[in-house]
C-alpha atoms as a PDB file:
ATOM      1  CA  MET A   1     -14.916 -12.694 -34.963  1.00  0.00           C
ATOM      2  CA  ALA A   2     -11.245 -11.482 -35.305  1.00  0.00           C
ATOM      3  CA  VAL A   3      -9.004 -13.196 -37.135  1.00  0.00           C
ATOM      4  CA  PRO A   4      -5.364 -12.795 -38.362  1.00  0.00           C
ATOM      5  CA  LYS A   5      -4.864 -11.905 -41.920  1.00  0.00           C
ATOM      6  CA  ARG A   6      -1.415 -13.043 -42.244  1.00  0.00           C
ATOM      7  CA  LYS A   7       0.816 -15.718 -40.512  1.00  0.00           C
ATOM      8  CA  VAL A   8       2.879 -14.521 -37.275  1.00  0.00           C
ATOM      9  CA  SER A   9       6.359 -14.880 -37.954  1.00  0.00           C
ATOM     10  CA  LYS A  10       8.552 -16.937 -35.581  1.00  0.00           C
ATOM     11  CA  ALA A  11      10.791 -14.024 -35.085  1.00  0.00           C
ATOM     12  CA  ARG A  12       8.199 -11.689 -34.420  1.00  0.00           C
ATOM     13  CA  ARG A  13       6.078 -14.118 -31.955  1.00  0.00           C
ATOM     14  CA  ASP A  14       9.477 -14.955 -30.305  1.00  0.00           C
ATOM     15  CA  LYS A  15      10.333 -11.365 -29.818  1.00  0.00           C
ATOM     16  CA  ARG A  16       6.618 -10.944 -28.101  1.00  0.00           C
ATOM     17  CA  ARG A  17       7.446 -14.036 -25.916  1.00  0.00           C
ATOM     18  CA  SER A  18      10.974 -12.998 -24.779  1.00  0.00           C
ATOM     19  CA  GLN A  19      11.844 -12.264 -21.544  1.00  0.00           C
ATOM     20  CA  VAL A  20      14.003  -9.288 -22.567  1.00  0.00           C
ATOM     21  CA  TRP A  21      11.439  -6.528 -21.677  1.00  0.00           C
ATOM     22  CA  LYS A  22      10.505  -7.594 -18.127  1.00  0.00           C
ATOM     23  CA  LEU A  23      12.111  -5.592 -14.882  1.00  0.00           C
ATOM     24  CA  SER A  24      14.616  -7.163 -13.008  1.00  0.00           C
ATOM     25  CA  ALA A  25      15.383  -6.725  -9.487  1.00  0.00           C
ATOM     26  CA  PRO A  26      17.522  -3.980  -8.057  1.00  0.00           C
ATOM     27  CA  SER A  27      21.153  -4.607  -7.597  1.00  0.00           C
ATOM     28  CA  PHE A  28      23.014  -3.848  -4.171  1.00  0.00           C
ATOM     29  CA  SER A  29      26.197  -3.269  -2.915  1.00  0.00           C
ATOM     30  CA  ARG A  30      27.699  -2.958   0.289  1.00  0.00           C
ATOM     31  CA  CYS A  31      28.590   0.514   2.100  1.00  0.00           C
ATOM     32  CA  ASN A  32      32.346   1.077   2.545  1.00  0.00           C
ATOM     33  CA  ASN A  33      31.443   3.176   5.838  1.00  0.00           C
ATOM     34  CA  CYS A  34      29.052   0.794   7.576  1.00  0.00           C
ATOM     35  CA  GLY A  35      28.924  -2.641   5.566  1.00  0.00           C
ATOM     36  CA  GLU A  36      25.020  -2.317   5.300  1.00  0.00           C
ATOM     37  CA  LEU A  37      23.439  -3.125   2.142  1.00  0.00           C
ATOM     38  CA  LYS A  38      22.463   0.011   0.080  1.00  0.00           C
ATOM     39  CA  VAL A  39      21.532   0.718  -3.835  1.00  0.00           C
ATOM     40  CA  PRO A  40      24.462   1.518  -5.935  1.00  0.00           C
ATOM     41  CA  HIS A  41      25.343   5.225  -6.364  1.00  0.00           C
ATOM     42  CA  ARG A  42      23.300   6.339  -3.555  1.00  0.00           C
ATOM     43  CA  ILE A  43      23.639   7.602   0.038  1.00  0.00           C
ATOM     44  CA  CYS A  44      23.953   5.193   2.609  1.00  0.00           C
ATOM     45  CA  GLY A  45      20.928   5.698   4.708  1.00  0.00           C
ATOM     46  CA  ILE A  46      22.364   3.834   7.640  1.00  0.00           C
ATOM     47  CA  CYS A  47      25.174   6.200   8.064  1.00  0.00           C
ATOM     48  CA  GLY A  48      24.715   9.203   5.368  1.00  0.00           C
ATOM     49  CA  TYR A  49      28.498   8.109   4.151  1.00  0.00           C
ATOM     50  CA  TYR A  50      28.730   8.249   0.004  1.00  0.00           C
ATOM     51  CA  LYS A  51      32.305   7.349  -1.532  1.00  0.00           C
ATOM     52  CA  GLY A  52      33.999   7.679   1.961  1.00  0.00           C
ATOM     53  CA  LYS A  53      32.658  10.845   2.741  1.00  0.00           C
ATOM     54  CA  GLU A  54      29.905  12.011   5.012  1.00  0.00           C
ATOM     55  CA  ILE A  55      27.162  13.804   3.117  1.00  0.00           C
ATOM     56  CA  ILE A  56      24.524  13.694   5.691  1.00  0.00           C
ATOM     57  CA  ALA A  57      25.031  14.003   9.544  1.00  0.00           C
ATOM     58  CA  LYS A  58      23.700  10.957  11.616  1.00  0.00           C
ATOM     59  CA  GLU A  59      23.172  10.875  15.057  1.00  0.00           C
ATOM     60  CA  ALA A  60      24.331   7.759  17.000  1.00  0.00           C
END
């Protein structure tokens, strides 16, 4: 059976157990043109605007 040779320090144990490395949910921001939720720094999927400029022409 595998047995640890040395005691694991409290710092090493707590680093392993910490929640720092786990992913967080993505944040959302409101589109300036239509007000829908979108991922920051991305073109709005609803209206096609980014930073107040029309990037993708969407049909109404």
